[in-house]
C-alpha atoms as a PDB file:
ATOM      1  CA  UNK A   1      10.947 -11.597  20.633  1.00  0.00           C
ATOM      2  CA  UNK A   2      11.282 -14.880  18.060  1.00  0.00           C
ATOM      3  CA  UNK A   3      11.943 -15.095  14.754  1.00  0.00           C
ATOM      4  CA  UNK A   4      10.439 -17.945  12.944  1.00  0.00           C
ATOM      5  CA  UNK A   5      10.604 -19.394   9.485  1.00  0.00           C
ATOM      6  CA  UNK A   6       7.695 -20.793   8.163  1.00  0.00           C
ATOM      7  CA  UNK A   7       7.699 -23.650   4.732  1.00  0.00           C
ATOM      8  CA  UNK A   8       4.525 -23.563   2.608  1.00  0.00           C
ATOM      9  CA  UNK A   9       2.782 -25.549   0.216  1.00  0.00           C
ATOM     10  CA  UNK A  10      -0.078 -23.432  -0.969  1.00  0.00           C
ATOM     11  CA  UNK A  11      -1.720 -24.513  -4.406  1.00  0.00           C
ATOM     12  CA  UNK A  12       2.096 -25.295  -5.548  1.00  0.00           C
ATOM     13  CA  UNK A  13       3.990 -22.966  -4.751  1.00  0.00           C
ATOM     14  CA  UNK A  14       6.125 -22.238  -1.782  1.00  0.00           C
ATOM     15  CA  UNK A  15       6.921 -19.559  -0.304  1.00  0.00           C
ATOM     16  CA  UNK A  16       8.900 -17.637   2.958  1.00  0.00           C
ATOM     17  CA  UNK A  17       6.659 -16.440   5.484  1.00  0.00           C
ATOM     18  CA  UNK A  18       9.214 -14.411   8.362  1.00  0.00           C
ATOM     19  CA  UNK A  19       7.399 -13.666  11.520  1.00  0.00           C
ATOM     20  CA  UNK A  20       7.669 -11.937  14.248  1.00  0.00           C
ATOM     21  CA  UNK A  21       6.226 -13.053  17.462  1.00  0.00           C
ATOM     22  CA  UNK A  22       2.521 -14.130  17.973  1.00  0.00           C
ATOM     23  CA  UNK A  23       1.710 -13.881  15.045  1.00  0.00           C
ATOM     24  CA  UNK A  24      -1.259 -16.125  13.847  1.00  0.00           C
ATOM     25  CA  UNK A  25      -0.632 -19.878  11.669  1.00  0.00           C
ATOM     26  CA  UNK A  26      -0.769 -18.751   8.638  1.00  0.00           C
ATOM     27  CA  UNK A  27      -2.374 -22.337   7.529  1.00  0.00           C
ATOM     28  CA  UNK A  28      -5.127 -20.406   9.725  1.00  0.00           C
ATOM     29  CA  UNK A  29      -7.818 -18.543   7.314  1.00  0.00           C
ATOM     30  CA  UNK A  30     -10.809 -16.166   9.162  1.00  0.00           C
ATOM     31  CA  UNK A  31     -14.424 -16.975   7.028  1.00  0.00           C
ATOM     32  CA  UNK A  32     -15.357 -13.943   6.944  1.00  0.00           C
ATOM     33  CA  UNK A  33     -19.178 -12.650   4.602  1.00  0.00           C
ATOM     34  CA  UNK A  34     -17.357  -9.915   2.691  1.00  0.00           C
ATOM     35  CA  UNK A  35     -20.322  -7.618   1.107  1.00  0.00           C
ATOM     36  CA  UNK A  36     -18.461  -4.212  -1.444  1.00  0.00           C
ATOM     37  CA  UNK A  37     -18.897  -1.959  -0.484  1.00  0.00           C
ATOM     38  CA  UNK A  38     -17.152   0.724  -2.681  1.00  0.00           C
ATOM     39  CA  UNK A  39     -14.780   0.171  -5.492  1.00  0.00           C
ATOM     40  CA  UNK A  40     -12.768   1.548  -8.587  1.00  0.00           C
ATOM     41  CA  UNK A  41     -12.465  -0.470 -11.657  1.00  0.00           C
ATOM     42  CA  UNK A  42     -11.491   1.763 -13.696  1.00  0.00           C
ATOM     43  CA  UNK A  43     -12.810   0.570 -16.693  1.00  0.00           C
ATOM     44  CA  UNK A  44     -15.336   4.129 -17.123  1.00  0.00           C
ATOM     45  CA  UNK A  45     -13.151   6.767 -19.146  1.00  0.00           C
ATOM     46  CA  UNK A  46     -13.751   9.964 -18.096  1.00  0.00           C
ATOM     47  CA  UNK A  47     -12.907  13.146 -20.433  1.00  0.00           C
ATOM     48  CA  UNK A  48      -9.688  13.752 -19.792  1.00  0.00           C
ATOM     49  CA  UNK A  49      -8.514  10.074 -19.141  1.00  0.00           C
ATOM     50  CA  UNK A  50      -7.730  10.739 -15.396  1.00  0.00           C
ATOM     51  CA  UNK A  51      -9.301   9.272 -12.279  1.00  0.00           C
ATOM     52  CA  UNK A  52     -13.333   9.542 -10.934  1.00  0.00           C
ATOM     53  CA  UNK A  53     -12.730  13.091  -9.477  1.00  0.00           C
ATOM     54  CA  UNK A  54     -15.857  11.590  -7.607  1.00  0.00           C
ATOM     55  CA  UNK A  55     -13.538   9.111  -5.963  1.00  0.00           C
ATOM     56  CA  UNK A  56     -10.047  10.514  -6.363  1.00  0.00           C
ATOM     57  CA  UNK A  57      -7.836  13.746  -5.500  1.00  0.00           C
ATOM     58  CA  UNK A  58      -4.230  14.038  -5.742  1.00  0.00           C
ATOM     59  CA  UNK A  59      -1.409  15.342  -3.551  1.00  0.00           C
ATOM     60  CA  UNK A  60       0.518  17.845  -5.246  1.00  0.00           C
ATOM     61  CA  UNK A  61       4.493  18.148  -5.116  1.00  0.00           C
ATOM     62  CA  UNK A  62       7.263  16.868  -2.516  1.00  0.00           C
ATOM     63  CA  UNK A  63       5.144  17.559   0.213  1.00  0.00           C
ATOM     64  CA  UNK A  64       8.011  18.458   3.192  1.00  0.00           C
ATOM     65  CA  UNK A  65      11.332  16.816   3.348  1.00  0.00           C
ATOM     66  CA  UNK A  66      10.392  14.648   0.847  1.00  0.00           C
ATOM     67  CA  UNK A  67       6.833  13.706   1.941  1.00  0.00           C
ATOM     68  CA  UNK A  68       9.005  13.527   5.182  1.00  0.00           C
ATOM     69  CA  UNK A  69      11.017  10.124   3.382  1.00  0.00           C
ATOM     70  CA  UNK A  70      13.904  12.185   1.311  1.00  0.00           C
ATOM     71  CA  UNK A  71      11.200  11.574  -1.885  1.00  0.00           C
ATOM     72  CA  UNK A  72      12.953  12.725  -5.791  1.00  0.00           C
ATOM     73  CA  UNK A  73       9.792  13.152  -6.865  1.00  0.00           C
ATOM     74  CA  UNK A  74       7.461  16.002  -7.471  1.00  0.00           C
ATOM     75  CA  UNK A  75       3.364  14.163  -7.861  1.00  0.00           C
ATOM     76  CA  UNK A  76       0.974  16.014 -11.391  1.00  0.00           C
ATOM     77  CA  UNK A  77      -1.434  15.165 -12.087  1.00  0.00           C
ATOM     78  CA  UNK A  78      -0.785  14.963 -15.803  1.00  0.00           C
ATOM     79  CA  UNK A  79      -2.366  12.775 -17.434  1.00  0.00           C
ATOM     80  CA  UNK A  80       2.095  12.285 -18.048  1.00  0.00           C
ATOM     81  CA  UNK A  81       2.055  10.821 -14.617  1.00  0.00           C
ATOM     82  CA  UNK A  82      -1.465   9.439 -14.467  1.00  0.00           C
ATOM     83  CA  UNK A  83      -4.243   8.517 -16.022  1.00  0.00           C
ATOM     84  CA  UNK A  84      -6.650   5.557 -17.614  1.00  0.00           C
ATOM     85  CA  UNK A  85      -5.230   2.935 -19.464  1.00  0.00           C
ATOM     86  CA  UNK A  86      -5.667  -0.170 -21.161  1.00  0.00           C
ATOM     87  CA  UNK A  87      -2.757  -1.855 -20.859  1.00  0.00           C
ATOM     88  CA  UNK A  88      -2.761  -5.933 -22.574  1.00  0.00           C
ATOM     89  CA  UNK A  89      -6.319  -5.701 -22.935  1.00  0.00           C
ATOM     90  CA  UNK A  90      -6.785  -5.188 -19.273  1.00  0.00           C
ATOM     91  CA  UNK A  91      -8.224  -1.504 -18.943  1.00  0.00           C
ATOM     92  CA  UNK A  92      -6.322   0.172 -15.369  1.00  0.00           C
ATOM     93  CA  UNK A  93      -4.570   2.937 -12.957  1.00  0.00           C
ATOM     94  CA  UNK A  94      -1.536   3.688 -15.243  1.00  0.00           C
ATOM     95  CA  UNK A  95       0.799   5.856 -12.180  1.00  0.00           C
ATOM     96  CA  UNK A  96       3.971   6.116 -13.975  1.00  0.00           C
ATOM     97  CA  UNK A  97       7.490   7.419 -12.443  1.00  0.00           C
ATOM     98  CA  UNK A  98       9.605   9.454 -15.121  1.00  0.00           C
ATOM     99  CA  UNK A  99      12.941  10.520 -15.404  1.00  0.00           C
ATOM    100  CA  UNK A 100      12.363  14.823 -16.536  1.00  0.00           C
ATOM    101  CA  UNK A 101      13.444  17.741 -15.267  1.00  0.00           C
ATOM    102  CA  UNK A 102      10.177  19.272 -13.526  1.00  0.00           C
ATOM    103  CA  UNK A 103       9.478  21.945 -10.921  1.00  0.00           C
ATOM    104  CA  UNK A 104      12.770  21.624  -9.901  1.00  0.00           C
ATOM    105  CA  UNK A 105      13.130  17.938  -9.812  1.00  0.00           C
ATOM    106  CA  UNK A 106      14.854  16.012 -11.372  1.00  0.00           C
ATOM    107  CA  UNK A 107      12.091  12.641 -11.524  1.00  0.00           C
ATOM    108  CA  UNK A 108       7.692  13.229 -11.000  1.00  0.00           C
ATOM    109  CA  UNK A 109       5.010  10.818 -10.370  1.00  0.00           C
ATOM    110  CA  UNK A 110       1.538  10.840  -8.984  1.00  0.00           C
ATOM    111  CA  UNK A 111      -0.102  10.769  -5.983  1.00  0.00           C
ATOM    112  CA  UNK A 112      -4.015  10.400  -5.616  1.00  0.00           C
ATOM    113  CA  UNK A 113      -6.274   9.278  -2.583  1.00  0.00           C
ATOM    114  CA  UNK A 114      -9.954   9.635  -1.566  1.00  0.00           C
ATOM    115  CA  UNK A 115      -9.356  11.534   1.623  1.00  0.00           C
ATOM    116  CA  UNK A 116     -12.560  13.801   1.577  1.00  0.00           C
ATOM    117  CA  UNK A 117     -13.742  11.340  -1.140  1.00  0.00           C
ATOM    118  CA  UNK A 118     -14.697   8.350   0.545  1.00  0.00           C
ATOM    119  CA  UNK A 119     -12.725   6.173   3.846  1.00  0.00           C
ATOM    120  CA  UNK A 120     -14.292   3.041   5.965  1.00  0.00           C
ATOM    121  CA  UNK A 121     -13.424   1.800   9.565  1.00  0.00           C
ATOM    122  CA  UNK A 122     -12.889  -2.246   9.074  1.00  0.00           C
ATOM    123  CA  UNK A 123     -13.512  -4.740   6.141  1.00  0.00           C
ATOM    124  CA  UNK A 124     -11.486  -6.163   3.729  1.00  0.00           C
ATOM    125  CA  UNK A 125      -9.343  -3.858   1.437  1.00  0.00           C
ATOM    126  CA  UNK A 126      -7.605  -4.961  -1.321  1.00  0.00           C
ATOM    127  CA  UNK A 127      -5.968  -4.108  -4.627  1.00  0.00           C
ATOM    128  CA  UNK A 128      -5.377  -6.135  -8.252  1.00  0.00           C
ATOM    129  CA  UNK A 129      -1.465  -4.208  -8.871  1.00  0.00           C
ATOM    130  CA  UNK A 130       1.063  -4.567 -11.210  1.00  0.00           C
ATOM    131  CA  UNK A 131       4.640  -3.433 -10.063  1.00  0.00           C
ATOM    132  CA  UNK A 132       7.649  -2.146 -11.139  1.00  0.00           C
ATOM    133  CA  UNK A 133      10.905  -3.185 -10.698  1.00  0.00           C
ATOM    134  CA  UNK A 134      14.457  -0.947 -10.630  1.00  0.00           C
ATOM    135  CA  UNK A 135      15.870   0.080  -7.631  1.00  0.00           C
ATOM    136  CA  UNK A 136      14.708   3.305  -5.698  1.00  0.00           C
ATOM    137  CA  UNK A 137      10.580   3.192  -6.726  1.00  0.00           C
ATOM    138  CA  UNK A 138       8.512   2.668  -4.030  1.00  0.00           C
ATOM    139  CA  UNK A 139       4.946   1.776  -5.137  1.00  0.00           C
ATOM    140  CA  UNK A 140       2.658   1.406  -2.168  1.00  0.00           C
ATOM    141  CA  UNK A 141      -0.923   0.995  -1.548  1.00  0.00           C
ATOM    142  CA  UNK A 142      -1.696   2.519   1.656  1.00  0.00           C
ATOM    143  CA  UNK A 143      -4.310   4.519   4.575  1.00  0.00           C
ATOM    144  CA  UNK A 144      -4.052   6.932   6.602  1.00  0.00           C
ATOM    145  CA  UNK A 145      -7.095   8.104   9.650  1.00  0.00           C
ATOM    146  CA  UNK A 146      -8.954  10.291   8.533  1.00  0.00           C
ATOM    147  CA  UNK A 147      -8.526  12.852  11.391  1.00  0.00           C
ATOM    148  CA  UNK A 148      -4.874  13.271   9.606  1.00  0.00           C
ATOM    149  CA  UNK A 149      -5.761  17.027  10.439  1.00  0.00           C
ATOM    150  CA  UNK A 150      -6.455  17.416  13.896  1.00  0.00           C
ATOM    151  CA  UNK A 151      -4.737  14.753  15.133  1.00  0.00           C
ATOM    152  CA  UNK A 152      -0.963  14.541  12.827  1.00  0.00           C
ATOM    153  CA  UNK A 153       1.098  11.726  12.076  1.00  0.00           C
ATOM    154  CA  UNK A 154       1.797   9.399  13.566  1.00  0.00           C
ATOM    155  CA  UNK A 155      -1.360   9.520  15.490  1.00  0.00           C
ATOM    156  CA  UNK A 156      -3.554   9.373  13.693  1.00  0.00           C
ATOM    157  CA  UNK A 157      -2.250   5.413  12.595  1.00  0.00           C
ATOM    158  CA  UNK A 158      -1.286   4.424   8.789  1.00  0.00           C
ATOM    159  CA  UNK A 159      -1.980   1.225   6.941  1.00  0.00           C
ATOM    160  CA  UNK A 160       0.157   0.108   4.821  1.00  0.00           C
ATOM    161  CA  UNK A 161      -1.578  -3.467   2.752  1.00  0.00           C
ATOM    162  CA  UNK A 162       1.118  -2.884   0.641  1.00  0.00           C
ATOM    163  CA  UNK A 163       5.264  -1.447  -0.060  1.00  0.00           C
ATOM    164  CA  UNK A 164       7.424  -2.909  -2.365  1.00  0.00           C
ATOM    165  CA  UNK A 165      11.087  -2.020  -3.512  1.00  0.00           C
ATOM    166  CA  UNK A 166      11.791  -2.592  -6.733  1.00  0.00           C
ATOM    167  CA  UNK A 167      14.512  -4.327  -5.228  1.00  0.00           C
ATOM    168  CA  UNK A 168      13.268  -7.024  -4.303  1.00  0.00           C
ATOM    169  CA  UNK A 169      10.228  -8.181  -7.348  1.00  0.00           C
ATOM    170  CA  UNK A 170      10.142 -11.056  -4.973  1.00  0.00           C
ATOM    171  CA  UNK A 171       8.763  -9.371  -1.737  1.00  0.00           C
ATOM    172  CA  UNK A 172       6.118  -6.926  -0.169  1.00  0.00           C
ATOM    173  CA  UNK A 173       5.776  -5.434   2.958  1.00  0.00           C
ATOM    174  CA  UNK A 174       2.871  -4.898   5.495  1.00  0.00           C
ATOM    175  CA  UNK A 175       2.798  -2.418   7.755  1.00  0.00           C
ATOM    176  CA  UNK A 176       1.240  -1.014  10.865  1.00  0.00           C
ATOM    177  CA  UNK A 177       1.781   2.103  11.944  1.00  0.00           C
ATOM    178  CA  UNK A 178       1.119   4.256  15.774  1.00  0.00           C
ATOM    179  CA  UNK A 179       2.078   6.117  17.842  1.00  0.00           C
ATOM    180  CA  UNK A 180       3.932   5.419  20.881  1.00  0.00           C
ATOM    181  CA  UNK A 181       2.065   5.943  24.098  1.00  0.00           C
ATOM    182  CA  UNK A 182       5.540   8.895  25.954  1.00  0.00           C
ATOM    183  CA  UNK A 183       5.191  10.832  22.277  1.00  0.00           C
ATOM    184  CA  UNK A 184       2.719  11.070  20.045  1.00  0.00           C
ATOM    185  CA  UNK A 185       5.437  12.531  17.322  1.00  0.00           C
ATOM    186  CA  UNK A 186       6.553   9.593  17.590  1.00  0.00           C
ATOM    187  CA  UNK A 187       6.405   6.306  15.197  1.00  0.00           C
ATOM    188  CA  UNK A 188       6.715   3.461  16.132  1.00  0.00           C
ATOM    189  CA  UNK A 189       5.546   0.261  13.095  1.00  0.00           C
ATOM    190  CA  UNK A 190       5.393  -3.518  12.853  1.00  0.00           C
ATOM    191  CA  UNK A 191       6.537  -4.341   9.543  1.00  0.00           C
ATOM    192  CA  UNK A 192       6.130  -7.694   8.084  1.00  0.00           C
ATOM    193  CA  UNK A 193       7.237  -8.579   4.260  1.00  0.00           C
ATOM    194  CA  UNK A 194       6.896 -12.150   2.797  1.00  0.00           C
ATOM    195  CA  UNK A 195       6.738 -13.421  -0.812  1.00  0.00           C
ATOM    196  CA  UNK A 196       6.835 -16.054  -3.469  1.00  0.00           C
ATOM    197  CA  UNK A 197      10.382 -18.557  -3.731  1.00  0.00           C
ATOM    198  CA  UNK A 198      10.197 -17.866  -7.527  1.00  0.00           C
ATOM    199  CA  UNK A 199       7.202 -15.891  -8.686  1.00  0.00           C
ATOM    200  CA  UNK A 200       8.511 -11.788  -9.329  1.00  0.00           C
ATOM    201  CA  UNK A 201       6.064  -9.752  -9.122  1.00  0.00           C
ATOM    202  CA  UNK A 202       6.359  -7.442 -12.064  1.00  0.00           C
ATOM    203  CA  UNK A 203       5.487  -9.851 -14.362  1.00  0.00           C
ATOM    204  CA  UNK A 204       1.691 -10.128 -13.634  1.00  0.00           C
ATOM    205  CA  UNK A 205      -1.126  -9.034 -11.469  1.00  0.00           C
ATOM    206  CA  UNK A 206      -1.257 -10.040  -7.719  1.00  0.00           C
ATOM    207  CA  UNK A 207      -4.241  -9.405  -5.045  1.00  0.00           C
ATOM    208  CA  UNK A 208      -2.613  -7.264  -2.260  1.00  0.00           C
ATOM    209  CA  UNK A 209      -5.432  -7.133   0.905  1.00  0.00           C
ATOM    210  CA  UNK A 210      -6.528  -6.914   4.509  1.00  0.00           C
ATOM    211  CA  UNK A 211      -9.200  -7.924   6.351  1.00  0.00           C
ATOM    212  CA  UNK A 212      -9.366  -4.800   9.288  1.00  0.00           C
ATOM    213  CA  UNK A 213     -10.918  -6.011  12.727  1.00  0.00           C
ATOM    214  CA  UNK A 214     -11.652  -4.118  15.612  1.00  0.00           C
ATOM    215  CA  UNK A 215      -8.090  -5.056  17.316  1.00  0.00           C
ATOM    216  CA  UNK A 216      -6.545  -6.778  14.258  1.00  0.00           C
ATOM    217  CA  UNK A 217      -4.942  -6.359  10.787  1.00  0.00           C
ATOM    218  CA  UNK A 218      -4.418  -9.249   9.149  1.00  0.00           C
ATOM    219  CA  UNK A 219      -1.663  -8.451   5.733  1.00  0.00           C
ATOM    220  CA  UNK A 220      -3.372 -11.124   2.323  1.00  0.00           C
ATOM    221  CA  UNK A 221      -0.998 -11.647  -1.139  1.00  0.00           C
ATOM    222  CA  UNK A 222      -3.100 -13.245  -3.094  1.00  0.00           C
ATOM    223  CA  UNK A 223      -5.527 -14.831  -0.528  1.00  0.00           C
ATOM    224  CA  UNK A 224      -2.741 -15.796   1.264  1.00  0.00           C
ATOM    225  CA  UNK A 225      -2.303 -15.021   4.472  1.00  0.00           C
ATOM    226  CA  UNK A 226       0.830 -14.306   5.872  1.00  0.00           C
ATOM    227  CA  UNK A 227       0.207 -12.026   8.710  1.00  0.00           C
ATOM    228  CA  UNK A 228      -2.132 -10.807  11.661  1.00  0.00           C
ATOM    229  CA  UNK A 229      -0.602  -6.937  13.667  1.00  0.00           C
ATOM    230  CA  UNK A 230      -2.723  -6.875  16.244  1.00  0.00           C
ATOM    231  CA  UNK A 231      -3.602  -3.727  19.341  1.00  0.00           C
ATOM    232  CA  UNK A 232      -1.188  -6.592  22.347  1.00  0.00           C
ATOM    233  CA  UNK A 233       1.653  -6.138  19.381  1.00  0.00           C
ATOM    234  CA  UNK A 234       1.619  -2.590  19.334  1.00  0.00           C
ATOM    235  CA  UNK A 235       0.914  -2.923  23.653  1.00  0.00           C
ATOM    236  CA  UNK A 236       3.647  -4.961  23.385  1.00  0.00           C
ATOM    237  CA  UNK A 237       5.535  -2.210  21.762  1.00  0.00           C
ATOM    238  CA  UNK A 238       4.503   0.235  24.427  1.00  0.00           C
ATOM    239  CA  UNK A 239       2.578   2.347  20.655  1.00  0.00           C
ATOM    240  CA  UNK A 240      -1.618   3.154  20.952  1.00  0.00           C
ATOM    241  CA  UNK A 241      -3.584   1.595  19.040  1.00  0.00           C
ATOM    242  CA  UNK A 242      -5.372   4.250  16.548  1.00  0.00           C
ATOM    243  CA  UNK A 243      -6.525   2.018  14.158  1.00  0.00           C
ATOM    244  CA  UNK A 244     -10.489   1.270  14.900  1.00  0.00           C
ATOM    245  CA  UNK A 245     -10.861   5.351  12.945  1.00  0.00           C
ATOM    246  CA  UNK A 246     -12.205   5.868   9.560  1.00  0.00           C
ATOM    247  CA  UNK A 247      -9.190   6.139   7.480  1.00  0.00           C
ATOM    248  CA  UNK A 248      -9.073   7.435   3.530  1.00  0.00           C
ATOM    249  CA  UNK A 249      -6.947   5.568   0.680  1.00  0.00           C
ATOM    250  CA  UNK A 250      -3.780   6.317  -0.951  1.00  0.00           C
ATOM    251  CA  UNK A 251      -1.955   4.499  -4.568  1.00  0.00           C
ATOM    252  CA  UNK A 252       1.349   6.043  -5.456  1.00  0.00           C
ATOM    253  CA  UNK A 253       4.398   4.918  -6.699  1.00  0.00           C
ATOM    254  CA  UNK A 254       7.792   7.051  -5.279  1.00  0.00           C
ATOM    255  CA  UNK A 255      11.110   7.655  -6.251  1.00  0.00           C
ATOM    256  CA  UNK A 256      14.444   7.054  -3.748  1.00  0.00           C
ATOM    257  CA  UNK A 257      13.625   7.629  -0.278  1.00  0.00           C
ATOM    258  CA  UNK A 258      15.159   5.809   3.106  1.00  0.00           C
ATOM    259  CA  UNK A 259      12.792   3.655   2.715  1.00  0.00           C
ATOM    260  CA  UNK A 260      14.271   1.962  -0.604  1.00  0.00           C
ATOM    261  CA  UNK A 261      16.612   4.015  -2.227  1.00  0.00           C
ATOM    262  CA  UNK A 262      17.132   6.716  -4.900  1.00  0.00           C
ATOM    263  CA  UNK A 263      17.438   4.821  -8.157  1.00  0.00           C
ATOM    264  CA  UNK A 264      20.719   4.036  -9.356  1.00  0.00           C
ATOM    265  CA  UNK A 265      22.247   2.960 -13.351  1.00  0.00           C
ATOM    266  CA  UNK A 266      20.359  -0.209 -13.343  1.00  0.00           C
ATOM    267  CA  UNK A 267      16.914   2.089 -12.504  1.00  0.00           C
ATOM    268  CA  UNK A 268      15.530   2.206 -16.424  1.00  0.00           C
ATOM    269  CA  UNK A 269      12.805   4.949 -16.805  1.00  0.00           C
ATOM    270  CA  UNK A 270       9.280   5.735 -17.155  1.00  0.00           C
ATOM    271  CA  UNK A 271       8.272   2.292 -15.045  1.00  0.00           C
ATOM    272  CA  UNK A 272       5.083   2.411 -14.333  1.00  0.00           C
ATOM    273  CA  UNK A 273       2.297   0.408 -11.388  1.00  0.00           C
ATOM    274  CA  UNK A 274      -0.607  -0.239 -12.678  1.00  0.00           C
ATOM    275  CA  UNK A 275      -4.205  -0.930 -10.860  1.00  0.00           C
ATOM    276  CA  UNK A 276      -6.665  -3.090 -12.221  1.00  0.00           C
ATOM    277  CA  UNK A 277      -9.222  -2.273  -9.231  1.00  0.00           C
ATOM    278  CA  UNK A 278      -9.464  -1.307  -5.626  1.00  0.00           C
ATOM    279  CA  UNK A 279     -12.217  -2.652  -3.253  1.00  0.00           C
ATOM    280  CA  UNK A 280     -13.659  -2.220  -0.798  1.00  0.00           C
ATOM    281  CA  UNK A 281     -15.829  -4.704   1.166  1.00  0.00           C
ATOM    282  CA  UNK A 282     -17.900  -4.882   4.812  1.00  0.00           C
ATOM    283  CA  UNK A 283     -19.001  -7.671   6.564  1.00  0.00           C
ATOM    284  CA  UNK A 284     -22.496  -9.207   5.931  1.00  0.00           C
ATOM    285  CA  UNK A 285     -23.994  -9.366   9.274  1.00  0.00           C
ATOM    286  CA  UNK A 286     -27.002 -10.151   8.186  1.00  0.00           C
END
């Protein structure tokens, strides 16, 4: 694989893109006519202050071995961990990680999903998010194949629209996971990090998105295309492309785990992931 560094000016801001292999030129933005298909603006308060139950359900607990990642939190649906709120004039979803003893764990947080309520195949999937800050914090905006109950991960596929390490506040990570051709229980992934040189993602809201079509997923930060991952890329890695099926959406804030490491003395709690909205667009083919 070749390693490319692109330094590009965009609206007066310098950003750095690290690309592997046959990454599409970041200046080549594809034109689409998007029409809103589904959204949650998190503007309408519910009687219990929780997210709209017609759109979101919950993962509760710690899963198997910290959801497979050695995470340290216990996910709940308490309003201390997940609620609709208004912060600095923005009505939003607030997912909060806390340092507290609960159900035998030292941290709590929340993980919500559209599984069984909404799934999508292709289109633009985006969210406007303000990140938390601190070592050991791992927020994510991502998707899993809706057939996960019959095709256990990674065979169902995974699209990580946004992953973020709390100790690296200028970087976002976008990733596609598919199963190995030789063994569907083996995860093969292609990932890309990207960020601004002088702008932290925890000090304001930013838009994280993918534009997804047959055999291709483009990753965006604030409408800057920073990576394209394709079926051909997965073929090169000897993996089976499984990202042409319906996927559901997940939002969560993990604590600890192999991806991000554990919190330390520089991590203050509580910390919150704020989501202004989630929107799903389809291509208008008329």
